[in-house]
Amino acid sequence: MNGDEALRIEEDLTVKKLRVQDYREMPWKSGKGTTHQIAISPEGADFTKESFLWRVSTAPMIEDGVFSHFPGYERILMVVQGEGLLLNRRILSPFETVRFSGNETMNAKLISGPILDLGVIHDPEKVKVDLQFIPNLRSETVFSFSTGTHFVYCIQGTMRVNGELVGEGESIRFDESEGFNVTIGFDVSGSGVHVSLTD
């Protein structure tokens, strides 16, 4: 099964597993780095040339730099690997979130070596976005997700999402027209992030 195939369709719920090789590797808008696009809406949109609703991606950062401008959009970011960033002299520690306008010039300085961030660029007039760190849970836990599109991303170790094994760097995507529950568990070293995109 590849990442484009639905794992399951139950009435109005569609579930897809996205493996690392399913992500689209592409240069930053500035050309000074590489991002791995997990998903974009509308599907197939080219974020460098046309408007889009939202884009979920990860990106390694190995040197200090400036985030690309995305006028009219909002960005939300989380450091999922590494020691964190200084963003315009404000500390962004691992697993914390920061929001900033795509119009803003955001200077990023590594605190102690390379990092990997998970971020969403979105139209704030049309979609609400949230990132929630999911720490290692001692037992499987049920989460209630609202209507919309959701991603559960595995930072490290192995997750089990509604019974489906998800490895490091992989994701499960849910698209739902009504609220639903998701059961999440981890191995001894696992942790993840819930990405929520709602109207």
N, C-alpha and C. Protein backbone atom coordinates (compact mmCIF):
# COMPACT_ATOMS: atom_id res chain seq x y z
N MET A 1 0.85 -1.20 0.00
CA MET A 1 0.00 0.00 0.00
C MET A 1 0.87 1.23 0.00
N ASN A 2 0.67 2.17 -0.92
CA ASN A 2 1.46 3.39 -0.91
C ASN A 2 0.70 4.49 -0.20
N GLY A 3 1.37 5.66 -0.05
CA GLY A 3 0.80 6.73 0.75
C GLY A 3 -0.42 7.38 0.15
N ASP A 4 -0.69 7.13 -1.16
CA ASP A 4 -1.85 7.72 -1.78
C ASP A 4 -3.11 6.89 -1.58
N GLU A 5 -2.96 5.69 -1.04
CA GLU A 5 -4.11 4.81 -0.87
C GLU A 5 -4.74 5.02 0.51
N ALA A 6 -6.06 5.03 0.55
CA ALA A 6 -6.74 5.15 1.83
C ALA A 6 -6.62 3.85 2.59
N LEU A 7 -6.24 3.96 3.86
CA LEU A 7 -6.24 2.78 4.71
C LEU A 7 -7.66 2.32 4.97
N ARG A 8 -8.55 3.30 5.15
CA ARG A 8 -9.90 2.94 5.55
C ARG A 8 -10.85 4.10 5.24
N ILE A 9 -12.04 3.78 4.80
CA ILE A 9 -13.09 4.78 4.62
C ILE A 9 -14.31 4.29 5.37
N GLU A 10 -14.71 5.05 6.37
CA GLU A 10 -15.87 4.68 7.17
C GLU A 10 -16.85 5.85 7.14
N GLU A 11 -17.88 5.73 6.31
CA GLU A 11 -18.85 6.80 6.13
C GLU A 11 -18.11 8.08 5.73
N ASP A 12 -18.00 9.08 6.62
CA ASP A 12 -17.38 10.34 6.26
C ASP A 12 -15.93 10.45 6.74
N LEU A 13 -15.34 9.35 7.20
CA LEU A 13 -13.97 9.37 7.71
C LEU A 13 -13.03 8.69 6.71
N THR A 14 -11.99 9.41 6.28
CA THR A 14 -10.97 8.85 5.41
C THR A 14 -9.64 8.89 6.15
N VAL A 15 -8.92 7.77 6.12
CA VAL A 15 -7.66 7.63 6.85
C VAL A 15 -6.57 7.21 5.88
N LYS A 16 -5.42 7.88 5.92
CA LYS A 16 -4.30 7.54 5.06
C LYS A 16 -3.01 7.48 5.89
N LYS A 17 -2.18 6.50 5.60
CA LYS A 17 -0.84 6.45 6.18
C LYS A 17 0.13 7.07 5.18
N LEU A 18 0.98 7.97 5.66
CA LEU A 18 1.96 8.65 4.82
C LEU A 18 3.36 8.28 5.31
N ARG A 19 4.11 7.63 4.45
CA ARG A 19 5.48 7.25 4.78
C ARG A 19 6.44 8.35 4.35
N VAL A 20 7.65 8.30 4.88
CA VAL A 20 8.63 9.34 4.58
C VAL A 20 8.85 9.44 3.07
N GLN A 21 8.89 8.31 2.37
CA GLN A 21 9.12 8.34 0.93
C GLN A 21 7.94 8.92 0.16
N ASP A 22 6.79 9.08 0.81
CA ASP A 22 5.64 9.69 0.16
C ASP A 22 5.70 11.22 0.20
N TYR A 23 6.52 11.77 1.10
CA TYR A 23 6.63 13.22 1.22
C TYR A 23 7.36 13.78 0.00
N ARG A 24 7.03 14.99 -0.35
CA ARG A 24 7.66 15.64 -1.50
C ARG A 24 8.84 16.49 -1.03
N GLU A 25 10.04 16.12 -1.44
CA GLU A 25 11.23 16.91 -1.09
C GLU A 25 11.38 18.05 -2.08
N MET A 26 11.57 19.25 -1.55
CA MET A 26 11.65 20.42 -2.42
C MET A 26 12.44 21.52 -1.74
N PRO A 27 13.00 22.44 -2.52
CA PRO A 27 13.79 23.53 -1.93
C PRO A 27 12.91 24.53 -1.21
N TRP A 28 13.50 25.20 -0.22
CA TRP A 28 12.80 26.31 0.40
C TRP A 28 12.51 27.38 -0.65
N LYS A 29 11.55 28.21 -0.35
CA LYS A 29 11.23 29.33 -1.24
C LYS A 29 12.46 30.20 -1.45
N SER A 30 13.29 30.33 -0.42
CA SER A 30 14.52 31.13 -0.51
C SER A 30 15.63 30.40 -1.25
N GLY A 31 15.47 29.06 -1.40
CA GLY A 31 16.50 28.27 -2.06
C GLY A 31 17.66 27.89 -1.17
N LYS A 32 17.59 28.21 0.13
CA LYS A 32 18.72 28.00 1.03
C LYS A 32 18.56 26.78 1.92
N GLY A 33 17.61 25.93 1.62
CA GLY A 33 17.42 24.72 2.42
C GLY A 33 16.43 23.80 1.71
N THR A 34 16.08 22.71 2.38
CA THR A 34 15.18 21.72 1.81
C THR A 34 14.05 21.41 2.79
N THR A 35 12.86 21.26 2.27
CA THR A 35 11.72 20.89 3.09
C THR A 35 11.13 19.59 2.58
N HIS A 36 10.45 18.88 3.47
CA HIS A 36 9.74 17.66 3.09
C HIS A 36 8.25 17.93 3.28
N GLN A 37 7.56 18.13 2.18
CA GLN A 37 6.14 18.46 2.22
C GLN A 37 5.33 17.21 2.51
N ILE A 38 4.65 17.20 3.65
CA ILE A 38 3.80 16.09 4.04
C ILE A 38 2.49 16.13 3.26
N ALA A 39 1.91 17.33 3.17
CA ALA A 39 0.65 17.49 2.44
C ALA A 39 0.40 18.96 2.19
N ILE A 40 -0.40 19.24 1.16
CA ILE A 40 -0.79 20.61 0.85
C ILE A 40 -2.24 20.59 0.37
N SER A 41 -2.97 21.67 0.63
CA SER A 41 -4.34 21.80 0.16
C SER A 41 -4.48 23.12 -0.61
N PRO A 42 -5.02 23.08 -1.84
CA PRO A 42 -5.52 21.89 -2.53
C PRO A 42 -4.38 20.96 -2.96
N GLU A 43 -4.69 19.67 -3.05
CA GLU A 43 -3.69 18.68 -3.40
C GLU A 43 -3.06 19.01 -4.75
N GLY A 44 -1.73 18.93 -4.80
CA GLY A 44 -1.01 19.19 -6.04
C GLY A 44 -0.64 20.64 -6.27
N ALA A 45 -1.05 21.54 -5.37
CA ALA A 45 -0.73 22.95 -5.52
C ALA A 45 0.78 23.17 -5.42
N ASP A 46 1.29 24.15 -6.15
CA ASP A 46 2.69 24.56 -6.06
C ASP A 46 2.75 25.82 -5.22
N PHE A 47 3.23 25.68 -3.98
CA PHE A 47 3.16 26.81 -3.05
C PHE A 47 4.03 27.98 -3.47
N THR A 48 4.99 27.75 -4.37
CA THR A 48 5.86 28.84 -4.82
C THR A 48 5.24 29.68 -5.92
N LYS A 49 4.15 29.17 -6.54
CA LYS A 49 3.60 29.85 -7.71
C LYS A 49 2.13 30.21 -7.59
N GLU A 50 1.41 29.61 -6.63
CA GLU A 50 -0.03 29.82 -6.58
C GLU A 50 -0.52 29.83 -5.13
N SER A 51 -1.75 30.30 -4.96
CA SER A 51 -2.32 30.34 -3.63
C SER A 51 -2.68 28.94 -3.16
N PHE A 52 -2.69 28.75 -1.85
CA PHE A 52 -3.05 27.47 -1.26
C PHE A 52 -3.71 27.74 0.08
N LEU A 53 -4.38 26.71 0.62
CA LEU A 53 -5.09 26.86 1.89
C LEU A 53 -4.16 26.59 3.06
N TRP A 54 -3.45 25.46 2.99
CA TRP A 54 -2.49 25.11 4.04
C TRP A 54 -1.44 24.17 3.49
N ARG A 55 -0.32 24.11 4.19
CA ARG A 55 0.78 23.22 3.82
C ARG A 55 1.45 22.74 5.09
N VAL A 56 1.59 21.41 5.24
CA VAL A 56 2.24 20.80 6.40
C VAL A 56 3.58 20.23 5.92
N SER A 57 4.65 20.51 6.65
CA SER A 57 5.96 20.05 6.21
C SER A 57 6.93 19.96 7.39
N THR A 58 8.02 19.25 7.16
CA THR A 58 9.16 19.25 8.07
C THR A 58 10.36 19.80 7.33
N ALA A 59 11.31 20.34 8.08
CA ALA A 59 12.51 20.87 7.45
C ALA A 59 13.69 20.80 8.41
N PRO A 60 14.82 20.24 7.97
CA PRO A 60 16.03 20.30 8.77
C PRO A 60 16.66 21.68 8.63
N MET A 61 17.23 22.16 9.72
CA MET A 61 17.94 23.43 9.70
C MET A 61 19.34 23.18 10.26
N ILE A 62 20.36 23.40 9.44
CA ILE A 62 21.73 23.08 9.84
C ILE A 62 22.59 24.33 10.05
N GLU A 63 22.03 25.50 9.72
CA GLU A 63 22.76 26.74 9.93
C GLU A 63 21.78 27.87 10.17
N ASP A 64 22.28 28.96 10.73
CA ASP A 64 21.44 30.12 10.97
C ASP A 64 20.90 30.67 9.65
N GLY A 65 19.72 31.29 9.71
CA GLY A 65 19.15 31.82 8.48
C GLY A 65 17.89 32.63 8.74
N VAL A 66 17.21 32.97 7.66
CA VAL A 66 15.99 33.78 7.72
C VAL A 66 14.85 32.99 7.08
N PHE A 67 13.71 32.92 7.74
CA PHE A 67 12.56 32.21 7.19
C PHE A 67 12.02 32.96 5.97
N SER A 68 11.56 32.19 4.98
CA SER A 68 10.98 32.77 3.77
C SER A 68 9.71 33.53 4.11
N HIS A 69 9.44 34.59 3.34
CA HIS A 69 8.21 35.35 3.51
C HIS A 69 7.06 34.67 2.76
N PHE A 70 5.89 34.68 3.40
CA PHE A 70 4.66 34.21 2.77
C PHE A 70 3.57 35.24 3.07
N PRO A 71 3.56 36.36 2.32
CA PRO A 71 2.59 37.43 2.59
C PRO A 71 1.15 36.93 2.55
N GLY A 72 0.38 37.33 3.56
CA GLY A 72 -1.02 36.95 3.65
C GLY A 72 -1.27 35.64 4.37
N TYR A 73 -0.20 34.94 4.73
CA TYR A 73 -0.32 33.66 5.42
C TYR A 73 0.19 33.78 6.86
N GLU A 74 -0.17 32.79 7.66
CA GLU A 74 0.34 32.68 9.02
C GLU A 74 1.13 31.39 9.13
N ARG A 75 2.13 31.37 10.01
CA ARG A 75 2.97 30.18 10.18
C ARG A 75 2.92 29.75 11.65
N ILE A 76 2.92 28.45 11.86
CA ILE A 76 3.04 27.89 13.20
C ILE A 76 4.12 26.82 13.12
N LEU A 77 4.99 26.80 14.13
CA LEU A 77 6.21 26.00 14.03
C LEU A 77 6.50 25.32 15.36
N MET A 78 7.06 24.10 15.29
CA MET A 78 7.51 23.36 16.47
C MET A 78 8.84 22.69 16.15
N VAL A 79 9.81 22.80 17.05
CA VAL A 79 11.06 22.06 16.93
C VAL A 79 10.83 20.65 17.48
N VAL A 80 11.01 19.63 16.63
CA VAL A 80 10.73 18.25 17.05
C VAL A 80 12.01 17.44 17.26
N GLN A 81 13.14 17.92 16.79
CA GLN A 81 14.44 17.30 17.06
C GLN A 81 15.46 18.41 17.24
N GLY A 82 16.40 18.22 18.17
CA GLY A 82 17.41 19.23 18.41
C GLY A 82 17.10 20.07 19.64
N GLU A 83 17.97 21.07 19.86
CA GLU A 83 17.93 21.84 21.11
C GLU A 83 17.14 23.13 21.03
N GLY A 84 16.60 23.46 19.87
CA GLY A 84 15.78 24.66 19.80
C GLY A 84 16.39 25.76 18.97
N LEU A 85 15.65 26.89 18.90
CA LEU A 85 16.03 28.02 18.07
C LEU A 85 15.89 29.33 18.85
N LEU A 86 16.64 30.33 18.39
CA LEU A 86 16.37 31.71 18.75
C LEU A 86 15.69 32.35 17.55
N LEU A 87 14.46 32.81 17.72
CA LEU A 87 13.71 33.45 16.65
C LEU A 87 13.56 34.92 17.01
N ASN A 88 14.26 35.77 16.26
CA ASN A 88 14.30 37.20 16.59
C ASN A 88 14.59 37.39 18.08
N ARG A 89 15.57 36.60 18.54
CA ARG A 89 16.08 36.64 19.92
C ARG A 89 15.12 36.08 20.96
N ARG A 90 14.03 35.44 20.50
CA ARG A 90 13.12 34.75 21.42
C ARG A 90 13.42 33.26 21.35
N ILE A 91 13.51 32.62 22.51
CA ILE A 91 13.84 31.20 22.55
C ILE A 91 12.62 30.36 22.19
N LEU A 92 12.82 29.44 21.25
CA LEU A 92 11.82 28.43 20.94
C LEU A 92 12.40 27.09 21.36
N SER A 93 11.93 26.58 22.50
CA SER A 93 12.43 25.31 23.03
C SER A 93 11.75 24.15 22.31
N PRO A 94 12.34 22.96 22.36
CA PRO A 94 11.73 21.80 21.71
C PRO A 94 10.29 21.56 22.20
N PHE A 95 9.42 21.27 21.27
CA PHE A 95 8.02 20.89 21.48
C PHE A 95 7.12 22.06 21.90
N GLU A 96 7.67 23.26 21.95
CA GLU A 96 6.84 24.45 22.10
C GLU A 96 6.43 24.93 20.71
N THR A 97 5.38 25.74 20.64
CA THR A 97 4.94 26.28 19.36
C THR A 97 5.11 27.79 19.33
N VAL A 98 5.32 28.29 18.13
CA VAL A 98 5.36 29.73 17.91
C VAL A 98 4.54 30.03 16.66
N ARG A 99 3.81 31.13 16.70
CA ARG A 99 3.04 31.60 15.55
C ARG A 99 3.60 32.95 15.12
N PHE A 100 3.65 33.15 13.80
CA PHE A 100 4.08 34.45 13.32
C PHE A 100 3.54 34.66 11.90
N SER A 101 3.43 35.92 11.53
CA SER A 101 2.90 36.27 10.22
C SER A 101 3.91 35.93 9.14
N GLY A 102 3.39 35.47 7.99
CA GLY A 102 4.26 35.22 6.86
C GLY A 102 4.86 36.48 6.28
N ASN A 103 4.35 37.66 6.72
CA ASN A 103 4.92 38.93 6.31
C ASN A 103 6.15 39.31 7.14
N GLU A 104 6.28 38.67 8.31
CA GLU A 104 7.32 39.06 9.27
C GLU A 104 8.68 38.50 8.87
N THR A 105 9.71 39.33 9.05
CA THR A 105 11.08 38.85 8.86
C THR A 105 11.51 38.14 10.14
N MET A 106 11.75 36.84 10.03
CA MET A 106 12.05 36.02 11.20
C MET A 106 13.46 35.45 11.06
N ASN A 107 14.37 36.00 11.87
CA ASN A 107 15.75 35.52 11.89
C ASN A 107 15.87 34.35 12.85
N ALA A 108 16.45 33.26 12.38
CA ALA A 108 16.56 32.03 13.17
C ALA A 108 18.02 31.71 13.43
N LYS A 109 18.33 31.46 14.69
CA LYS A 109 19.69 31.11 15.09
C LYS A 109 19.64 29.80 15.87
N LEU A 110 20.46 28.84 15.47
CA LEU A 110 20.51 27.56 16.18
C LEU A 110 21.08 27.76 17.58
N ILE A 111 20.46 27.11 18.57
CA ILE A 111 20.94 27.21 19.95
C ILE A 111 22.13 26.31 20.17
N SER A 112 22.04 25.06 19.69
CA SER A 112 23.13 24.11 19.89
C SER A 112 23.03 22.99 18.85
N GLY A 113 23.46 23.27 17.64
CA GLY A 113 23.45 22.25 16.60
C GLY A 113 22.18 22.21 15.79
N PRO A 114 22.14 21.34 14.78
CA PRO A 114 21.01 21.26 13.85
C PRO A 114 19.70 20.90 14.55
N ILE A 115 18.59 21.27 13.90
CA ILE A 115 17.26 20.93 14.40
C ILE A 115 16.40 20.44 13.25
N LEU A 116 15.28 19.83 13.60
CA LEU A 116 14.23 19.51 12.63
C LEU A 116 12.96 20.16 13.13
N ASP A 117 12.32 20.93 12.26
CA ASP A 117 11.06 21.54 12.67
C ASP A 117 9.89 20.95 11.89
N LEU A 118 8.72 21.01 12.50
CA LEU A 118 7.45 20.66 11.88
C LEU A 118 6.63 21.93 11.84
N GLY A 119 6.14 22.29 10.66
CA GLY A 119 5.43 23.55 10.56
C GLY A 119 4.25 23.51 9.62
N VAL A 120 3.36 24.48 9.80
CA VAL A 120 2.20 24.65 8.92
C VAL A 120 2.14 26.10 8.48
N ILE A 121 2.01 26.30 7.18
CA ILE A 121 1.75 27.61 6.60
C ILE A 121 0.29 27.59 6.16
N HIS A 122 -0.49 28.61 6.55
CA HIS A 122 -1.93 28.55 6.27
C HIS A 122 -2.54 29.92 6.09
N ASP A 123 -3.71 29.93 5.48
CA ASP A 123 -4.50 31.15 5.32
C ASP A 123 -5.32 31.32 6.59
N PRO A 124 -5.00 32.29 7.43
CA PRO A 124 -5.69 32.41 8.72
C PRO A 124 -7.15 32.84 8.61
N GLU A 125 -7.55 33.33 7.43
CA GLU A 125 -8.94 33.72 7.23
C GLU A 125 -9.83 32.53 6.93
N LYS A 126 -9.22 31.39 6.57
CA LYS A 126 -10.00 30.24 6.13
C LYS A 126 -9.81 28.98 6.95
N VAL A 127 -8.74 28.89 7.73
CA VAL A 127 -8.48 27.66 8.48
C VAL A 127 -7.79 28.00 9.80
N LYS A 128 -8.16 27.23 10.83
CA LYS A 128 -7.52 27.33 12.14
C LYS A 128 -6.56 26.16 12.30
N VAL A 129 -5.37 26.44 12.79
CA VAL A 129 -4.33 25.41 12.88
C VAL A 129 -3.79 25.35 14.30
N ASP A 130 -3.53 24.13 14.78
CA ASP A 130 -2.91 23.95 16.08
C ASP A 130 -1.95 22.77 16.02
N LEU A 131 -0.86 22.87 16.75
CA LEU A 131 0.09 21.77 16.92
C LEU A 131 0.13 21.39 18.39
N GLN A 132 -0.03 20.10 18.68
CA GLN A 132 -0.01 19.61 20.06
C GLN A 132 1.01 18.50 20.18
N PHE A 133 2.00 18.70 21.03
CA PHE A 133 2.99 17.66 21.31
C PHE A 133 2.33 16.53 22.08
N ILE A 134 2.58 15.29 21.66
CA ILE A 134 2.04 14.12 22.36
C ILE A 134 3.22 13.38 22.99
N PRO A 135 3.40 13.51 24.30
CA PRO A 135 4.53 12.83 24.95
C PRO A 135 4.31 11.32 25.02
N ASN A 136 5.33 10.61 25.43
CA ASN A 136 5.19 9.16 25.56
C ASN A 136 4.13 8.84 26.60
N LEU A 137 3.14 8.05 26.19
CA LEU A 137 2.03 7.70 27.06
C LEU A 137 2.23 6.28 27.57
N ARG A 138 2.01 6.08 28.86
CA ARG A 138 2.24 4.75 29.44
C ARG A 138 1.24 3.72 28.94
N SER A 139 0.09 4.19 28.53
CA SER A 139 -0.92 3.28 28.01
C SER A 139 -1.64 3.97 26.86
N GLU A 140 -2.36 3.20 26.04
CA GLU A 140 -3.09 3.80 24.94
C GLU A 140 -4.11 4.80 25.47
N THR A 141 -4.20 5.93 24.78
CA THR A 141 -5.05 7.03 25.21
C THR A 141 -5.96 7.44 24.07
N VAL A 142 -7.21 7.76 24.40
CA VAL A 142 -8.19 8.17 23.39
C VAL A 142 -8.22 9.70 23.32
N PHE A 143 -8.07 10.22 22.10
CA PHE A 143 -8.14 11.65 21.83
C PHE A 143 -9.39 11.93 21.01
N SER A 144 -10.06 13.03 21.30
CA SER A 144 -11.23 13.45 20.53
C SER A 144 -10.80 14.51 19.52
N PHE A 145 -11.00 14.22 18.23
CA PHE A 145 -10.66 15.14 17.16
C PHE A 145 -11.94 15.77 16.62
N SER A 146 -11.88 17.06 16.32
CA SER A 146 -13.04 17.76 15.79
C SER A 146 -13.10 17.63 14.27
N THR A 147 -14.18 18.13 13.69
CA THR A 147 -14.35 18.09 12.25
C THR A 147 -13.21 18.81 11.55
N GLY A 148 -12.65 18.19 10.51
CA GLY A 148 -11.57 18.81 9.77
C GLY A 148 -10.55 17.79 9.31
N THR A 149 -9.33 18.27 9.06
CA THR A 149 -8.20 17.43 8.67
C THR A 149 -7.20 17.39 9.80
N HIS A 150 -6.72 16.19 10.10
CA HIS A 150 -5.78 16.00 11.21
C HIS A 150 -4.64 15.10 10.76
N PHE A 151 -3.45 15.39 11.28
CA PHE A 151 -2.29 14.54 11.08
C PHE A 151 -1.74 14.14 12.44
N VAL A 152 -1.36 12.88 12.58
CA VAL A 152 -0.61 12.43 13.75
C VAL A 152 0.76 12.02 13.23
N TYR A 153 1.79 12.76 13.66
CA TYR A 153 3.16 12.60 13.15
C TYR A 153 4.03 11.96 14.24
N CYS A 154 4.78 10.93 13.86
CA CYS A 154 5.66 10.25 14.82
C CYS A 154 7.02 10.92 14.84
N ILE A 155 7.39 11.49 15.98
CA ILE A 155 8.69 12.15 16.12
C ILE A 155 9.81 11.12 16.23
N GLN A 156 9.61 10.14 17.10
CA GLN A 156 10.63 9.11 17.30
C GLN A 156 9.97 7.84 17.81
N GLY A 157 10.71 6.74 17.75
CA GLY A 157 10.16 5.48 18.20
C GLY A 157 9.07 4.99 17.27
N THR A 158 8.09 4.32 17.86
CA THR A 158 6.95 3.79 17.11
C THR A 158 5.65 4.15 17.80
N MET A 159 4.66 4.56 17.02
CA MET A 159 3.34 4.85 17.53
C MET A 159 2.37 3.79 17.01
N ARG A 160 1.27 3.63 17.73
CA ARG A 160 0.16 2.84 17.24
C ARG A 160 -1.06 3.76 17.25
N VAL A 161 -1.57 4.05 16.05
CA VAL A 161 -2.69 4.98 15.89
C VAL A 161 -3.89 4.21 15.36
N ASN A 162 -4.90 4.06 16.21
CA ASN A 162 -6.06 3.21 15.88
C ASN A 162 -5.62 1.85 15.36
N GLY A 163 -4.58 1.30 16.00
CA GLY A 163 -4.10 -0.02 15.66
C GLY A 163 -3.07 -0.07 14.55
N GLU A 164 -2.84 1.05 13.86
CA GLU A 164 -1.89 1.09 12.75
C GLU A 164 -0.51 1.52 13.27
N LEU A 165 0.54 0.73 12.95
CA LEU A 165 1.90 1.08 13.36
C LEU A 165 2.42 2.23 12.50
N VAL A 166 3.00 3.23 13.17
CA VAL A 166 3.54 4.41 12.50
C VAL A 166 4.97 4.60 12.99
N GLY A 167 5.94 4.56 12.07
CA GLY A 167 7.34 4.69 12.43
C GLY A 167 7.82 6.12 12.46
N GLU A 168 9.06 6.30 12.88
CA GLU A 168 9.65 7.64 13.00
C GLU A 168 9.57 8.39 11.67
N GLY A 169 9.04 9.61 11.73
CA GLY A 169 8.91 10.45 10.55
C GLY A 169 7.67 10.19 9.72
N GLU A 170 6.91 9.14 10.04
CA GLU A 170 5.70 8.84 9.29
C GLU A 170 4.48 9.54 9.91
N SER A 171 3.38 9.54 9.18
CA SER A 171 2.17 10.23 9.63
C SER A 171 0.93 9.40 9.30
N ILE A 172 -0.13 9.68 10.04
CA ILE A 172 -1.47 9.22 9.69
C ILE A 172 -2.32 10.47 9.46
N ARG A 173 -3.03 10.49 8.34
CA ARG A 173 -3.91 11.61 8.04
C ARG A 173 -5.37 11.19 8.17
N PHE A 174 -6.16 12.05 8.82
CA PHE A 174 -7.60 11.83 8.97
C PHE A 174 -8.34 13.00 8.33
N ASP A 175 -9.35 12.71 7.50
CA ASP A 175 -10.26 13.73 6.98
C ASP A 175 -11.67 13.32 7.38
N GLU A 176 -12.36 14.23 8.09
CA GLU A 176 -13.64 13.86 8.70
C GLU A 176 -14.60 15.04 8.67
N SER A 177 -15.86 14.75 8.35
CA SER A 177 -16.89 15.78 8.34
C SER A 177 -17.63 15.87 9.67
N GLU A 178 -17.34 14.96 10.60
CA GLU A 178 -17.89 15.01 11.95
C GLU A 178 -16.79 14.65 12.92
N GLY A 179 -16.95 14.99 14.19
CA GLY A 179 -15.95 14.67 15.20
C GLY A 179 -15.78 13.17 15.36
N PHE A 180 -14.61 12.75 15.84
CA PHE A 180 -14.32 11.32 15.97
C PHE A 180 -13.22 11.12 17.02
N ASN A 181 -13.03 9.89 17.45
CA ASN A 181 -12.02 9.55 18.45
C ASN A 181 -10.86 8.79 17.81
N VAL A 182 -9.66 9.03 18.33
CA VAL A 182 -8.45 8.36 17.86
C VAL A 182 -7.72 7.81 19.07
N THR A 183 -7.30 6.55 19.00
CA THR A 183 -6.55 5.91 20.08
C THR A 183 -5.07 5.88 19.70
N ILE A 184 -4.22 6.42 20.61
CA ILE A 184 -2.79 6.53 20.34
C ILE A 184 -2.00 5.89 21.47
N GLY A 185 -1.00 5.09 21.10
CA GLY A 185 -0.07 4.50 22.07
C GLY A 185 1.33 4.51 21.48
N PHE A 186 2.34 4.27 22.33
CA PHE A 186 3.74 4.34 21.90
C PHE A 186 4.53 3.15 22.42
N ASP A 187 5.72 2.93 21.78
CA ASP A 187 6.70 2.06 22.40
C ASP A 187 7.42 2.87 23.48
N VAL A 188 8.48 2.32 24.08
CA VAL A 188 9.09 2.97 25.24
C VAL A 188 9.73 4.31 24.91
N SER A 189 10.09 4.54 23.64
CA SER A 189 10.78 5.78 23.29
C SER A 189 9.95 6.71 22.41
N GLY A 190 8.71 6.36 22.16
CA GLY A 190 7.91 7.09 21.18
C GLY A 190 7.36 8.42 21.66
N SER A 191 7.16 9.32 20.72
CA SER A 191 6.45 10.59 20.96
C SER A 191 5.96 11.10 19.61
N GLY A 192 5.03 12.05 19.63
CA GLY A 192 4.46 12.51 18.37
C GLY A 192 3.89 13.90 18.47
N VAL A 193 3.25 14.32 17.38
CA VAL A 193 2.60 15.62 17.29
C VAL A 193 1.25 15.44 16.61
N HIS A 194 0.23 16.13 17.14
CA HIS A 194 -1.07 16.19 16.50
C HIS A 194 -1.19 17.54 15.80
N VAL A 195 -1.41 17.50 14.48
CA VAL A 195 -1.63 18.69 13.68
C VAL A 195 -3.12 18.78 13.37
N SER A 196 -3.75 19.87 13.77
CA SER A 196 -5.19 20.05 13.60
C SER A 196 -5.45 21.20 12.64
N LEU A 197 -6.26 20.95 11.61
CA LEU A 197 -6.66 21.97 10.63
C LEU A 197 -8.17 21.97 10.54
N THR A 198 -8.81 23.02 11.05
CA THR A 198 -10.26 23.08 11.12
C THR A 198 -10.76 24.40 10.57
N ASP A 199 -12.05 24.42 10.21
CA ASP A 199 -12.66 25.64 9.68
C ASP A 199 -12.85 26.67 10.79
